């Protein structure tokens, strides 16, 4: 049974979400603030974290960034729950390391569908164990990336994006196509989100001089190529 950690300080929302998650077949852990979440994480590694934006001891985005810096939780998918619906807020949420963003009020059906989609994207696929390109090596089984044998720190969305690029080199993909391939069909995410994660991926590869592999094709989208800059 897959385990979900819900970090939400509103008791009524927490009870409603837990009821619907357990009815959908998930095991749930509850926390009313970030400190309680840390205690829960010390005892159990969840398959996914539902994280409220407004928490009493720390904001959701700040806590998400801390989770992404921690080796034990850096690959655990995060869905942000928030009443903030402005595009800039959503971009900030994704930039903090969230994999998806659900705006309150939300239906139980929508939330469960989003959870299922994120968990599907995070599950390892049956494919070759490693992909390599000019000193850049991506290990699919361990979810690790190396640049000339040095570990590269990537979040789960950047890892999926790089995996797709490295297994589909020299082809140009539009933002819409990347959303379908990296986030999955039926997930409602703004196309600008792709640009945010492209920037994060380039930033992670820059110390190794490999950001040039992620190329912008003006008016068309992005491609991965080791043949030079766009």
Protein backbone atom coordinates (compact mmCIF):
# COMPACT_ATOMS: atom_id res chain seq x y z
CA UNK A 1 0.00 0.00 0.00
CA UNK A 2 1.39 3.41 -0.97
CA UNK A 3 1.94 5.88 1.84
CA UNK A 4 1.11 9.61 1.68
CA UNK A 5 2.19 12.28 4.16
CA UNK A 6 -0.34 15.11 4.47
CA UNK A 7 1.06 18.35 5.94
CA UNK A 8 -1.98 20.57 6.60
CA UNK A 9 -2.80 22.73 9.65
CA UNK A 10 -6.55 23.00 8.99
CA UNK A 11 -8.17 20.14 10.92
CA UNK A 12 -11.33 20.04 8.78
CA UNK A 13 -9.39 19.88 5.50
CA UNK A 14 -7.01 17.30 6.95
CA UNK A 15 -9.87 15.03 8.05
CA UNK A 16 -11.56 15.34 4.65
CA UNK A 17 -8.37 14.57 2.73
CA UNK A 18 -7.41 11.64 4.96
CA UNK A 19 -10.90 10.13 4.62
CA UNK A 20 -10.78 10.28 0.83
CA UNK A 21 -7.19 9.06 0.58
CA UNK A 22 -7.90 6.04 2.74
CA UNK A 23 -11.06 5.34 0.75
CA UNK A 24 -8.89 5.41 -2.39
CA UNK A 25 -6.59 2.80 -0.86
CA UNK A 26 -3.69 4.91 0.43
CA UNK A 27 -2.08 4.74 3.84
CA UNK A 28 -1.87 8.23 5.34
CA UNK A 29 0.44 10.03 7.74
CA UNK A 30 -0.68 13.37 9.19
CA UNK A 31 1.18 16.48 10.28
CA UNK A 32 -0.18 19.86 11.29
CA UNK A 33 3.08 21.72 10.76
CA UNK A 34 6.60 21.25 9.39
CA UNK A 35 8.05 20.10 12.71
CA UNK A 36 5.48 17.30 12.96
CA UNK A 37 6.22 16.44 9.32
CA UNK A 38 9.93 16.08 10.10
CA UNK A 39 9.12 13.69 12.93
CA UNK A 40 6.90 11.62 10.61
CA UNK A 41 9.60 11.59 7.93
CA UNK A 42 12.18 10.36 10.42
CA UNK A 43 10.07 7.26 11.04
CA UNK A 44 8.54 6.62 7.60
CA UNK A 45 9.47 7.42 4.01
CA UNK A 46 6.25 8.34 2.17
CA UNK A 47 5.64 7.71 -1.50
CA UNK A 48 4.27 11.25 -1.87
CA UNK A 49 3.87 14.42 0.23
CA UNK A 50 0.78 16.66 0.14
CA UNK A 51 2.05 20.02 1.40
CA UNK A 52 -0.04 23.03 2.37
CA UNK A 53 1.39 26.42 1.36
CA UNK A 54 0.46 28.30 4.57
CA UNK A 55 1.76 26.52 7.66
CA UNK A 56 2.25 27.96 11.16
CA UNK A 57 6.00 27.35 11.53
CA UNK A 58 7.32 27.55 7.95
CA UNK A 59 5.87 28.17 4.50
CA UNK A 60 5.20 25.22 2.21
CA UNK A 61 7.68 26.42 -0.46
CA UNK A 62 10.43 26.86 2.16
CA UNK A 63 9.79 23.37 3.52
CA UNK A 64 9.72 21.93 -0.02
CA UNK A 65 13.15 23.43 -0.71
CA UNK A 66 14.46 21.89 2.51
CA UNK A 67 13.06 18.49 1.48
CA UNK A 68 14.79 18.77 -1.89
CA UNK A 69 18.13 19.49 -0.19
CA UNK A 70 17.83 16.41 2.04
CA UNK A 71 19.19 13.22 0.49
CA UNK A 72 16.50 11.15 2.26
CA UNK A 73 13.58 13.11 0.76
CA UNK A 74 14.92 14.78 -2.37
CA UNK A 75 13.18 12.30 -4.69
CA UNK A 76 9.84 12.08 -2.87
CA UNK A 77 7.15 13.71 -5.07
CA UNK A 78 5.45 16.80 -3.62
CA UNK A 79 2.00 18.19 -4.44
CA UNK A 80 1.40 21.70 -3.12
CA UNK A 81 -2.06 22.50 -1.72
CA UNK A 82 -2.93 26.19 -1.66
CA UNK A 83 -5.62 28.82 -2.06
CA UNK A 84 -3.15 30.91 -4.09
CA UNK A 85 -4.14 30.74 -7.75
CA UNK A 86 -2.04 33.46 -9.39
CA UNK A 87 0.41 32.27 -12.04
CA UNK A 88 3.40 33.74 -10.18
CA UNK A 89 2.43 31.79 -7.07
CA UNK A 90 2.21 28.58 -9.08
CA UNK A 91 5.62 29.20 -10.64
CA UNK A 92 7.03 29.87 -7.17
CA UNK A 93 5.55 26.59 -5.98
CA UNK A 94 7.09 24.63 -8.84
CA UNK A 95 10.39 26.46 -8.42
CA UNK A 96 10.53 25.34 -4.78
CA UNK A 97 10.53 21.72 -5.95
CA UNK A 98 6.84 20.82 -6.11
CA UNK A 99 5.80 18.32 -8.78
CA UNK A 100 2.19 19.50 -9.00
CA UNK A 101 -0.05 22.22 -7.63
CA UNK A 102 -3.68 21.86 -6.50
CA UNK A 103 -5.71 24.99 -5.81
CA UNK A 104 -8.20 25.10 -2.95
CA UNK A 105 -11.07 24.43 -2.95
CA UNK A 106 -10.52 21.12 -4.73
CA UNK A 107 -12.63 18.01 -5.13
CA UNK A 108 -11.53 14.69 -3.67
CA UNK A 109 -11.77 13.17 -7.15
CA UNK A 110 -9.40 15.76 -8.60
CA UNK A 111 -6.89 15.34 -5.77
CA UNK A 112 -6.80 11.55 -6.07
CA UNK A 113 -6.37 11.84 -9.85
CA UNK A 114 -3.44 14.24 -9.39
CA UNK A 115 -1.84 11.92 -6.85
CA UNK A 116 -2.20 8.94 -9.17
CA UNK A 117 -0.67 10.90 -12.07
CA UNK A 118 2.33 12.07 -10.03
CA UNK A 119 2.95 8.59 -8.61
CA UNK A 120 2.82 7.08 -12.12
CA UNK A 121 5.38 9.59 -13.34
CA UNK A 122 7.64 8.85 -10.38
CA UNK A 123 7.58 5.06 -10.80
CA UNK A 124 10.61 3.53 -12.50
CA UNK A 125 9.97 2.22 -15.99
CA UNK A 126 11.17 -1.06 -17.48
CA UNK A 127 13.98 0.19 -19.68
CA UNK A 128 17.77 0.22 -19.98
CA UNK A 129 19.46 1.02 -16.70
CA UNK A 130 21.75 3.82 -17.94
CA UNK A 131 21.76 6.51 -20.59
CA UNK A 132 25.01 8.33 -21.40
CA UNK A 133 26.03 11.32 -23.53
CA UNK A 134 29.47 12.95 -23.58
CA UNK A 135 30.36 12.38 -19.94
CA UNK A 136 26.79 12.79 -18.67
CA UNK A 137 25.39 9.54 -17.28
CA UNK A 138 21.82 9.03 -16.06
CA UNK A 139 21.10 5.90 -14.03
CA UNK A 140 17.40 5.11 -14.23
CA UNK A 141 17.27 2.45 -11.51
CA UNK A 142 19.00 4.57 -8.84
CA UNK A 143 17.62 7.94 -10.04
CA UNK A 144 21.10 9.42 -10.04
CA UNK A 145 22.98 11.55 -12.55
CA UNK A 146 26.75 11.89 -12.94
CA UNK A 147 28.90 14.35 -14.87
CA UNK A 148 32.35 12.80 -15.38
CA UNK A 149 31.67 10.57 -12.35
CA UNK A 150 30.65 13.53 -10.15
CA UNK A 151 27.05 13.34 -8.79
CA UNK A 152 24.68 16.01 -10.15
CA UNK A 153 21.97 17.21 -7.78
CA UNK A 154 18.59 17.11 -9.58
CA UNK A 155 15.03 17.25 -8.36
CA UNK A 156 12.57 14.56 -9.53
CA UNK A 157 11.00 16.68 -12.27
CA UNK A 158 14.40 17.72 -13.66
CA UNK A 159 15.46 14.06 -13.55
CA UNK A 160 12.43 13.00 -15.60
CA UNK A 161 12.98 15.86 -18.04
CA UNK A 162 16.66 14.98 -18.50
CA UNK A 163 15.81 11.30 -18.92
CA UNK A 164 13.33 12.15 -21.67
CA UNK A 165 15.80 14.46 -23.40
CA UNK A 166 18.67 11.97 -23.23
CA UNK A 167 16.52 9.17 -24.64
CA UNK A 168 15.21 11.45 -27.43
CA UNK A 169 18.27 13.39 -28.53
CA UNK A 170 18.46 15.91 -31.40
CA UNK A 171 14.69 16.27 -31.72
CA UNK A 172 12.90 19.53 -30.99
CA UNK A 173 9.97 19.32 -28.57
CA UNK A 174 7.45 22.07 -27.94
CA UNK A 175 6.44 23.03 -24.41
CA UNK A 176 3.12 21.23 -24.87
CA UNK A 177 4.91 18.06 -25.96
CA UNK A 178 7.26 18.24 -22.97
CA UNK A 179 4.30 18.67 -20.64
CA UNK A 180 2.74 15.51 -22.05
CA UNK A 181 5.99 13.52 -21.88
CA UNK A 182 7.37 14.71 -18.54
CA UNK A 183 4.25 15.60 -16.55
CA UNK A 184 1.85 13.20 -18.27
CA UNK A 185 -1.33 13.64 -20.27
CA UNK A 186 -4.35 15.04 -18.50
CA UNK A 187 -2.34 17.05 -15.98
CA UNK A 188 -3.22 20.74 -16.07
CA UNK A 189 0.05 22.64 -15.84
CA UNK A 190 0.88 25.97 -17.50
CA UNK A 191 3.40 25.81 -20.35
CA UNK A 192 5.54 28.40 -18.53
CA UNK A 193 6.27 25.68 -15.98
CA UNK A 194 8.43 23.98 -18.61
CA UNK A 195 10.64 27.08 -18.82
CA UNK A 196 11.07 27.10 -15.03
CA UNK A 197 12.31 23.51 -15.00
CA UNK A 198 14.51 24.04 -18.06
CA UNK A 199 16.23 26.87 -16.16
CA UNK A 200 16.66 24.64 -13.11
CA UNK A 201 18.07 21.81 -15.22
CA UNK A 202 20.54 24.14 -16.93
CA UNK A 203 21.58 25.58 -13.55
CA UNK A 204 22.30 22.08 -12.22
CA UNK A 205 24.39 21.18 -15.28
CA UNK A 206 26.24 24.51 -15.52
CA UNK A 207 29.04 23.71 -13.00
CA UNK A 208 30.07 20.86 -15.30
CA UNK A 209 29.82 22.87 -18.53
CA UNK A 210 26.95 20.68 -19.76
CA UNK A 211 24.14 23.25 -19.78
CA UNK A 212 24.83 23.73 -23.51
CA UNK A 213 23.23 20.35 -24.18
CA UNK A 214 19.80 21.84 -23.31
CA UNK A 215 19.17 24.04 -26.32
CA UNK A 216 16.43 26.57 -27.04
CA UNK A 217 15.04 26.53 -30.55
CA UNK A 218 13.40 29.90 -31.05
CA UNK A 219 9.70 29.66 -31.84
CA UNK A 220 9.72 25.85 -31.59
CA UNK A 221 10.75 24.63 -28.14
CA UNK A 222 13.74 22.77 -26.73
CA UNK A 223 16.06 19.95 -27.69
CA UNK A 224 18.91 17.97 -26.15
CA UNK A 225 21.99 17.74 -28.33
CA UNK A 226 25.70 17.23 -27.70
CA UNK A 227 26.53 18.73 -31.11
CA UNK A 228 26.82 22.32 -29.97
CA UNK A 229 24.85 25.34 -28.92
CA UNK A 230 21.61 26.41 -30.59
